[in-house]
């Protein structure tokens, strides 16, 4: 079982006092599950919180990770790979309907998909566990800053 983590620190204005709000946001894989988390604290007042959940991260977190670290690309290594294990992995990982999983599998065969390094590793592990070979690499034009 793999573990992967990726995070970034964001700053903004505190809604309570106008001071500097610091948020540590991230995604990680723990005990075979995809997680996301946010820890925030104002430097000028007692405003602080922590939030964590499983599944896909909120879009704001994803975009912050993609902006800071760049995207990772995933494609099936063999376009002739059996569709059944690919569909199973996609449905398990992304909770897709069969039709949605078929469309995503076609995308994986043709052009691949991009996401955060944690999201891609999470899907890649599920595909590999079903003996589906995959190729991953840094997505073109998304070098980390």
N, C-alpha and C. Protein backbone atom coordinates (compact mmCIF):
# COMPACT_ATOMS: atom_id res chain seq x y z
N UNK A 1 0.84 -1.17 0.00
CA UNK A 1 0.00 0.00 0.00
C UNK A 1 0.89 1.24 0.00
N UNK A 2 0.59 2.17 -0.88
CA UNK A 2 1.41 3.38 -0.98
C UNK A 2 0.91 4.47 -0.06
N UNK A 3 1.80 5.40 0.22
CA UNK A 3 1.41 6.63 0.87
C UNK A 3 1.97 7.75 0.01
N UNK A 4 1.20 8.77 -0.19
CA UNK A 4 1.64 9.93 -0.97
C UNK A 4 1.03 11.15 -0.32
N UNK A 5 1.74 12.26 -0.42
CA UNK A 5 1.22 13.50 0.15
C UNK A 5 1.72 14.68 -0.66
N UNK A 6 0.92 15.72 -0.67
CA UNK A 6 1.29 16.94 -1.37
C UNK A 6 0.54 18.10 -0.71
N UNK A 7 1.23 19.20 -0.47
CA UNK A 7 0.58 20.32 0.18
C UNK A 7 1.14 21.65 -0.26
N UNK A 8 0.45 22.69 0.17
CA UNK A 8 0.86 24.06 -0.14
C UNK A 8 0.29 24.98 0.95
N UNK A 9 1.00 26.07 1.22
CA UNK A 9 0.54 27.07 2.18
C UNK A 9 -0.02 28.26 1.41
N UNK A 10 -1.22 28.67 1.80
CA UNK A 10 -1.89 29.81 1.18
C UNK A 10 -2.12 30.88 2.23
N UNK A 11 -2.07 32.13 1.82
CA UNK A 11 -2.39 33.23 2.72
C UNK A 11 -3.50 34.07 2.11
N UNK A 12 -4.33 34.62 2.98
CA UNK A 12 -5.41 35.50 2.56
C UNK A 12 -5.78 36.38 3.75
N UNK A 13 -6.80 37.18 3.58
CA UNK A 13 -7.24 38.08 4.64
C UNK A 13 -8.25 37.37 5.52
N UNK A 14 -8.09 37.48 6.83
CA UNK A 14 -9.00 36.89 7.79
C UNK A 14 -10.35 37.61 7.74
N UNK A 15 -11.43 36.86 7.62
CA UNK A 15 -12.76 37.44 7.58
C UNK A 15 -13.17 37.99 8.93
N UNK A 16 -12.56 37.52 10.02
CA UNK A 16 -12.92 37.96 11.36
C UNK A 16 -12.29 39.29 11.74
N UNK A 17 -10.98 39.45 11.43
CA UNK A 17 -10.29 40.65 11.91
C UNK A 17 -9.53 41.41 10.83
N UNK A 18 -9.41 40.83 9.64
CA UNK A 18 -8.67 41.48 8.57
C UNK A 18 -7.18 41.17 8.59
N UNK A 19 -6.73 40.39 9.56
CA UNK A 19 -5.32 40.02 9.65
C UNK A 19 -4.95 38.98 8.60
N UNK A 20 -3.73 38.48 8.69
CA UNK A 20 -3.26 37.48 7.73
C UNK A 20 -3.71 36.08 8.15
N UNK A 21 -4.43 35.44 7.27
CA UNK A 21 -4.92 34.08 7.49
C UNK A 21 -3.99 33.13 6.73
N UNK A 22 -3.44 32.16 7.43
CA UNK A 22 -2.54 31.18 6.82
C UNK A 22 -3.26 29.84 6.79
N UNK A 23 -3.33 29.22 5.60
CA UNK A 23 -3.98 27.92 5.45
C UNK A 23 -2.99 26.94 4.83
N UNK A 24 -2.83 25.81 5.48
CA UNK A 24 -2.07 24.70 4.91
C UNK A 24 -3.08 23.73 4.33
N UNK A 25 -3.02 23.52 3.02
CA UNK A 25 -3.97 22.65 2.33
C UNK A 25 -3.21 21.51 1.68
N UNK A 26 -3.87 20.36 1.54
CA UNK A 26 -3.19 19.25 0.90
C UNK A 26 -4.06 18.06 0.62
N UNK A 27 -3.46 17.12 -0.07
CA UNK A 27 -4.06 15.83 -0.39
C UNK A 27 -3.07 14.77 0.04
N UNK A 28 -3.61 13.61 0.42
CA UNK A 28 -2.72 12.51 0.78
C UNK A 28 -3.45 11.19 0.67
N UNK A 29 -2.67 10.13 0.58
CA UNK A 29 -3.20 8.77 0.58
C UNK A 29 -2.76 8.14 1.89
N UNK A 30 -3.73 7.64 2.61
CA UNK A 30 -3.43 6.99 3.88
C UNK A 30 -4.35 5.79 4.04
N UNK A 31 -3.76 4.66 4.42
CA UNK A 31 -4.51 3.41 4.60
C UNK A 31 -5.38 3.10 3.38
N UNK A 32 -4.82 3.34 2.18
CA UNK A 32 -5.52 3.00 0.95
C UNK A 32 -6.65 3.92 0.55
N UNK A 33 -6.76 5.06 1.19
CA UNK A 33 -7.84 6.00 0.87
C UNK A 33 -7.26 7.37 0.50
N UNK A 34 -7.97 8.06 -0.37
CA UNK A 34 -7.61 9.41 -0.78
C UNK A 34 -8.24 10.40 0.22
N UNK A 35 -7.42 11.30 0.76
CA UNK A 35 -7.86 12.28 1.74
C UNK A 35 -7.46 13.68 1.29
N UNK A 36 -8.12 14.68 1.85
CA UNK A 36 -7.71 16.07 1.70
C UNK A 36 -7.87 16.74 3.06
N UNK A 37 -7.12 17.82 3.26
CA UNK A 37 -7.20 18.51 4.54
C UNK A 37 -6.85 19.97 4.43
N UNK A 38 -7.36 20.74 5.40
CA UNK A 38 -7.07 22.18 5.51
C UNK A 38 -6.87 22.49 6.98
N UNK A 39 -5.81 23.19 7.29
CA UNK A 39 -5.59 23.75 8.62
C UNK A 39 -5.39 25.24 8.42
N UNK A 40 -6.21 26.03 9.11
CA UNK A 40 -6.11 27.47 8.96
C UNK A 40 -5.98 28.16 10.30
N UNK A 41 -5.22 29.27 10.32
CA UNK A 41 -5.06 30.03 11.54
C UNK A 41 -4.72 31.47 11.18
N UNK A 42 -5.41 32.40 11.85
CA UNK A 42 -5.11 33.82 11.68
C UNK A 42 -3.93 34.16 12.58
N UNK A 43 -3.02 34.98 12.05
CA UNK A 43 -1.86 35.39 12.85
C UNK A 43 -2.19 36.53 13.81
N UNK A 44 -3.39 37.13 13.66
CA UNK A 44 -3.73 38.29 14.47
C UNK A 44 -4.86 38.05 15.47
N UNK A 45 -5.63 36.98 15.31
CA UNK A 45 -6.75 36.72 16.21
C UNK A 45 -6.86 35.21 16.46
N UNK A 46 -7.76 34.77 17.31
CA UNK A 46 -7.86 33.34 17.63
C UNK A 46 -8.57 32.49 16.56
N UNK A 47 -8.92 33.07 15.44
CA UNK A 47 -9.61 32.33 14.37
C UNK A 47 -8.71 31.19 13.88
N UNK A 48 -9.16 29.93 14.07
CA UNK A 48 -8.39 28.76 13.64
C UNK A 48 -9.34 27.59 13.45
N UNK A 49 -9.00 26.68 12.54
CA UNK A 49 -9.80 25.49 12.32
C UNK A 49 -9.00 24.43 11.59
N UNK A 50 -9.53 23.25 11.57
CA UNK A 50 -8.94 22.11 10.86
C UNK A 50 -10.10 21.35 10.23
N UNK A 51 -9.94 20.97 8.98
CA UNK A 51 -10.98 20.23 8.27
C UNK A 51 -10.30 19.14 7.45
N UNK A 52 -10.91 17.95 7.44
CA UNK A 52 -10.34 16.82 6.72
C UNK A 52 -11.47 15.91 6.26
N UNK A 53 -11.31 15.30 5.07
CA UNK A 53 -12.32 14.39 4.58
C UNK A 53 -11.69 13.46 3.54
N UNK A 54 -12.40 12.40 3.22
CA UNK A 54 -11.94 11.47 2.20
C UNK A 54 -12.56 11.85 0.87
N UNK A 55 -11.95 11.34 -0.19
CA UNK A 55 -12.47 11.56 -1.53
C UNK A 55 -11.78 12.71 -2.23
N UNK A 56 -12.34 13.11 -3.35
CA UNK A 56 -11.73 14.21 -4.12
C UNK A 56 -11.67 15.49 -3.29
N UNK A 57 -10.59 16.22 -3.45
CA UNK A 57 -10.43 17.49 -2.74
C UNK A 57 -11.32 18.55 -3.37
N UNK A 58 -11.75 19.53 -2.57
CA UNK A 58 -12.46 20.67 -3.15
C UNK A 58 -11.60 21.32 -4.24
N UNK A 59 -12.25 21.90 -5.23
CA UNK A 59 -11.54 22.45 -6.39
C UNK A 59 -10.49 23.49 -5.99
N UNK A 60 -10.75 24.30 -4.97
CA UNK A 60 -9.78 25.30 -4.55
C UNK A 60 -8.47 24.65 -4.11
N UNK A 61 -8.56 23.53 -3.42
CA UNK A 61 -7.36 22.81 -2.98
C UNK A 61 -6.65 22.21 -4.19
N UNK A 62 -7.41 21.57 -5.07
CA UNK A 62 -6.81 20.98 -6.28
C UNK A 62 -6.05 22.04 -7.08
N UNK A 63 -6.69 23.17 -7.30
CA UNK A 63 -6.07 24.22 -8.11
C UNK A 63 -4.81 24.76 -7.45
N UNK A 64 -4.82 24.91 -6.12
CA UNK A 64 -3.63 25.38 -5.41
C UNK A 64 -2.49 24.38 -5.58
N UNK A 65 -2.78 23.08 -5.48
CA UNK A 65 -1.76 22.05 -5.65
C UNK A 65 -1.24 22.02 -7.08
N UNK A 66 -2.14 22.11 -8.05
CA UNK A 66 -1.73 22.09 -9.46
C UNK A 66 -0.88 23.32 -9.79
N UNK A 67 -1.25 24.47 -9.26
CA UNK A 67 -0.49 25.69 -9.51
C UNK A 67 0.91 25.60 -8.93
N UNK A 68 1.01 25.09 -7.72
CA UNK A 68 2.31 25.03 -7.04
C UNK A 68 3.19 23.89 -7.52
N UNK A 69 2.60 22.71 -7.71
CA UNK A 69 3.40 21.52 -7.99
C UNK A 69 3.30 21.01 -9.43
N UNK A 70 2.37 21.53 -10.21
CA UNK A 70 2.18 21.05 -11.57
C UNK A 70 1.30 19.82 -11.59
N UNK A 71 0.91 19.44 -12.78
CA UNK A 71 0.03 18.29 -12.98
C UNK A 71 0.84 17.05 -13.37
N UNK A 72 0.23 15.90 -13.13
CA UNK A 72 0.82 14.62 -13.53
C UNK A 72 -0.15 13.98 -14.51
N UNK A 73 0.41 13.33 -15.52
CA UNK A 73 -0.35 12.71 -16.59
C UNK A 73 -0.33 11.20 -16.42
N UNK A 74 -1.45 10.55 -16.70
CA UNK A 74 -1.56 9.09 -16.61
C UNK A 74 -2.22 8.57 -17.88
N UNK A 75 -1.68 7.48 -18.40
CA UNK A 75 -2.24 6.84 -19.59
C UNK A 75 -2.03 5.34 -19.45
N UNK A 76 -2.93 4.57 -20.06
CA UNK A 76 -2.74 3.12 -20.08
C UNK A 76 -1.53 2.81 -20.93
N UNK A 77 -0.67 1.91 -20.46
CA UNK A 77 0.55 1.55 -21.20
C UNK A 77 0.22 0.72 -22.43
N UNK A 78 -0.88 -0.02 -22.36
CA UNK A 78 -1.27 -0.91 -23.46
C UNK A 78 -2.70 -0.55 -23.87
N UNK A 79 -2.85 0.03 -25.05
CA UNK A 79 -4.18 0.43 -25.51
C UNK A 79 -5.12 -0.76 -25.66
N UNK A 80 -4.58 -1.95 -25.76
CA UNK A 80 -5.40 -3.15 -25.91
C UNK A 80 -5.70 -3.82 -24.57
N UNK A 81 -5.39 -3.15 -23.47
CA UNK A 81 -5.65 -3.72 -22.13
C UNK A 81 -7.13 -4.04 -21.99
N UNK A 82 -7.41 -5.08 -21.23
CA UNK A 82 -8.80 -5.47 -20.98
C UNK A 82 -9.55 -4.32 -20.33
N UNK A 83 -10.74 -4.07 -20.81
CA UNK A 83 -11.54 -2.96 -20.32
C UNK A 83 -12.12 -3.23 -18.92
N UNK A 84 -12.38 -4.49 -18.59
CA UNK A 84 -13.05 -4.82 -17.33
C UNK A 84 -12.28 -4.32 -16.10
N UNK A 85 -10.98 -4.63 -15.94
CA UNK A 85 -10.29 -4.13 -14.75
C UNK A 85 -10.15 -2.60 -14.74
N UNK A 86 -10.06 -2.00 -15.91
CA UNK A 86 -9.98 -0.54 -15.99
C UNK A 86 -11.29 0.06 -15.48
N UNK A 87 -12.41 -0.47 -15.94
CA UNK A 87 -13.71 0.02 -15.50
C UNK A 87 -13.90 -0.18 -14.00
N UNK A 88 -13.47 -1.33 -13.50
CA UNK A 88 -13.59 -1.59 -12.06
C UNK A 88 -12.80 -0.56 -11.25
N UNK A 89 -11.57 -0.30 -11.67
CA UNK A 89 -10.73 0.66 -10.95
C UNK A 89 -11.33 2.07 -11.01
N UNK A 90 -11.82 2.45 -12.17
CA UNK A 90 -12.40 3.79 -12.31
C UNK A 90 -13.67 3.94 -11.47
N UNK A 91 -14.51 2.92 -11.48
CA UNK A 91 -15.75 3.00 -10.71
C UNK A 91 -15.46 3.04 -9.22
N UNK A 92 -14.48 2.25 -8.78
CA UNK A 92 -14.10 2.23 -7.36
C UNK A 92 -13.46 3.56 -6.93
N UNK A 93 -12.58 4.06 -7.75
CA UNK A 93 -11.81 5.25 -7.41
C UNK A 93 -12.63 6.53 -7.49
N UNK A 94 -13.41 6.67 -8.56
CA UNK A 94 -14.11 7.93 -8.81
C UNK A 94 -15.62 7.82 -8.63
N UNK A 95 -16.12 6.65 -8.24
CA UNK A 95 -17.57 6.44 -8.03
C UNK A 95 -18.37 6.85 -9.26
N UNK A 96 -17.94 6.36 -10.42
CA UNK A 96 -18.58 6.70 -11.70
C UNK A 96 -19.65 5.68 -12.06
N UNK A 97 -20.61 6.13 -12.85
CA UNK A 97 -21.56 5.19 -13.43
C UNK A 97 -20.80 4.38 -14.48
N UNK A 98 -21.40 3.30 -14.95
CA UNK A 98 -20.73 2.48 -15.97
C UNK A 98 -20.47 3.30 -17.23
N UNK A 99 -21.43 4.11 -17.64
CA UNK A 99 -21.26 4.95 -18.83
C UNK A 99 -20.13 5.96 -18.66
N UNK A 100 -20.07 6.60 -17.49
CA UNK A 100 -19.00 7.56 -17.22
C UNK A 100 -17.65 6.86 -17.18
N UNK A 101 -17.61 5.67 -16.59
CA UNK A 101 -16.36 4.91 -16.53
C UNK A 101 -15.89 4.52 -17.94
N UNK A 102 -16.83 4.15 -18.81
CA UNK A 102 -16.46 3.82 -20.20
C UNK A 102 -15.84 5.02 -20.92
N UNK A 103 -16.43 6.20 -20.72
CA UNK A 103 -15.89 7.41 -21.35
C UNK A 103 -14.50 7.73 -20.81
N UNK A 104 -14.32 7.59 -19.51
CA UNK A 104 -13.02 7.86 -18.90
C UNK A 104 -11.98 6.83 -19.34
N UNK A 105 -12.39 5.57 -19.46
CA UNK A 105 -11.47 4.53 -19.94
C UNK A 105 -11.02 4.83 -21.37
N UNK A 106 -11.94 5.29 -22.20
CA UNK A 106 -11.58 5.66 -23.58
C UNK A 106 -10.58 6.81 -23.58
N UNK A 107 -10.77 7.75 -22.67
CA UNK A 107 -9.84 8.88 -22.54
C UNK A 107 -8.47 8.38 -22.08
N UNK A 108 -8.45 7.45 -21.12
CA UNK A 108 -7.18 6.89 -20.64
C UNK A 108 -6.42 6.17 -21.75
N UNK A 109 -7.15 5.51 -22.63
CA UNK A 109 -6.52 4.80 -23.75
C UNK A 109 -6.01 5.76 -24.81
N UNK A 110 -6.76 6.82 -25.08
CA UNK A 110 -6.43 7.71 -26.18
C UNK A 110 -5.41 8.77 -25.80
N UNK A 111 -5.77 9.67 -24.93
CA UNK A 111 -4.91 10.81 -24.61
C UNK A 111 -4.42 10.83 -23.17
N UNK A 112 -5.03 10.03 -22.31
CA UNK A 112 -4.66 10.03 -20.90
C UNK A 112 -5.45 11.07 -20.13
N UNK A 113 -5.12 11.21 -18.86
CA UNK A 113 -5.77 12.22 -18.02
C UNK A 113 -4.72 12.87 -17.15
N UNK A 114 -5.03 14.07 -16.67
CA UNK A 114 -4.11 14.78 -15.78
C UNK A 114 -4.80 15.07 -14.45
N UNK A 115 -3.99 15.22 -13.43
CA UNK A 115 -4.49 15.55 -12.10
C UNK A 115 -3.33 15.87 -11.19
N UNK A 116 -3.62 16.01 -9.92
CA UNK A 116 -2.54 16.22 -8.95
C UNK A 116 -1.75 14.92 -8.85
N UNK A 117 -0.53 15.01 -8.36
CA UNK A 117 0.28 13.79 -8.25
C UNK A 117 -0.38 12.76 -7.34
N UNK A 118 -1.06 13.22 -6.30
CA UNK A 118 -1.72 12.30 -5.37
C UNK A 118 -2.91 11.62 -6.04
N UNK A 119 -3.74 12.38 -6.75
CA UNK A 119 -4.90 11.80 -7.45
C UNK A 119 -4.46 10.76 -8.47
N UNK A 120 -3.42 11.10 -9.23
CA UNK A 120 -2.95 10.19 -10.27
C UNK A 120 -2.33 8.94 -9.65
N UNK A 121 -1.56 9.09 -8.60
CA UNK A 121 -0.97 7.91 -7.95
C UNK A 121 -2.05 7.02 -7.35
N UNK A 122 -3.09 7.62 -6.81
CA UNK A 122 -4.21 6.86 -6.24
C UNK A 122 -4.88 5.99 -7.31
N UNK A 123 -5.17 6.57 -8.46
CA UNK A 123 -5.77 5.81 -9.56
C UNK A 123 -4.78 4.80 -10.13
N UNK A 124 -3.54 5.21 -10.31
CA UNK A 124 -2.51 4.31 -10.87
C UNK A 124 -2.35 3.06 -10.01
N UNK A 125 -2.36 3.23 -8.69
CA UNK A 125 -2.22 2.08 -7.79
C UNK A 125 -3.40 1.11 -7.98
N UNK A 126 -4.61 1.65 -8.09
CA UNK A 126 -5.78 0.78 -8.28
C UNK A 126 -5.72 0.04 -9.61
N UNK A 127 -5.23 0.70 -10.64
CA UNK A 127 -5.07 0.04 -11.93
C UNK A 127 -3.99 -1.04 -11.85
N UNK A 128 -2.85 -0.72 -11.26
CA UNK A 128 -1.77 -1.71 -11.13
C UNK A 128 -2.21 -2.91 -10.30
N UNK A 129 -3.01 -2.67 -9.25
CA UNK A 129 -3.52 -3.78 -8.44
C UNK A 129 -4.38 -4.73 -9.24
N UNK A 130 -4.90 -4.27 -10.36
CA UNK A 130 -5.71 -5.11 -11.26
C UNK A 130 -4.89 -5.53 -12.50
N UNK A 131 -3.57 -5.46 -12.38
CA UNK A 131 -2.64 -5.87 -13.43
C UNK A 131 -2.78 -5.05 -14.71
N UNK A 132 -3.14 -3.79 -14.57
CA UNK A 132 -3.21 -2.89 -15.72
C UNK A 132 -1.97 -2.01 -15.67
N UNK A 133 -1.14 -2.08 -16.70
CA UNK A 133 0.08 -1.28 -16.75
C UNK A 133 -0.27 0.15 -17.14
N UNK A 134 0.37 1.10 -16.46
CA UNK A 134 0.12 2.51 -16.73
C UNK A 134 1.44 3.25 -16.89
N UNK A 135 1.35 4.40 -17.51
CA UNK A 135 2.49 5.30 -17.66
C UNK A 135 2.11 6.60 -16.97
N UNK A 136 2.98 7.10 -16.11
CA UNK A 136 2.75 8.40 -15.48
C UNK A 136 3.99 9.26 -15.70
N UNK A 137 3.75 10.56 -15.81
CA UNK A 137 4.86 11.50 -15.93
C UNK A 137 4.32 12.91 -15.67
N UNK A 138 5.23 13.84 -15.48
CA UNK A 138 4.83 15.24 -15.33
C UNK A 138 4.11 15.65 -16.61
N UNK A 139 2.96 16.32 -16.46
CA UNK A 139 2.21 16.75 -17.63
C UNK A 139 2.95 17.87 -18.34
N UNK A 140 2.88 17.86 -19.65
CA UNK A 140 3.55 18.88 -20.45
C UNK A 140 2.99 20.26 -20.12
N UNK A 141 3.89 21.22 -20.00
CA UNK A 141 3.48 22.59 -19.74
C UNK A 141 3.03 22.83 -18.32
N UNK A 142 3.31 21.90 -17.40
CA UNK A 142 2.86 22.11 -16.02
C UNK A 142 4.00 21.96 -15.03
N UNK A 143 5.16 22.44 -15.41
CA UNK A 143 6.30 22.32 -14.51
C UNK A 143 6.01 23.02 -13.19
N UNK A 144 6.45 22.44 -12.12
CA UNK A 144 6.22 23.02 -10.79
C UNK A 144 6.96 24.35 -10.67
N UNK A 145 6.36 25.24 -9.91
CA UNK A 145 6.93 26.57 -9.72
C UNK A 145 8.00 26.53 -8.65
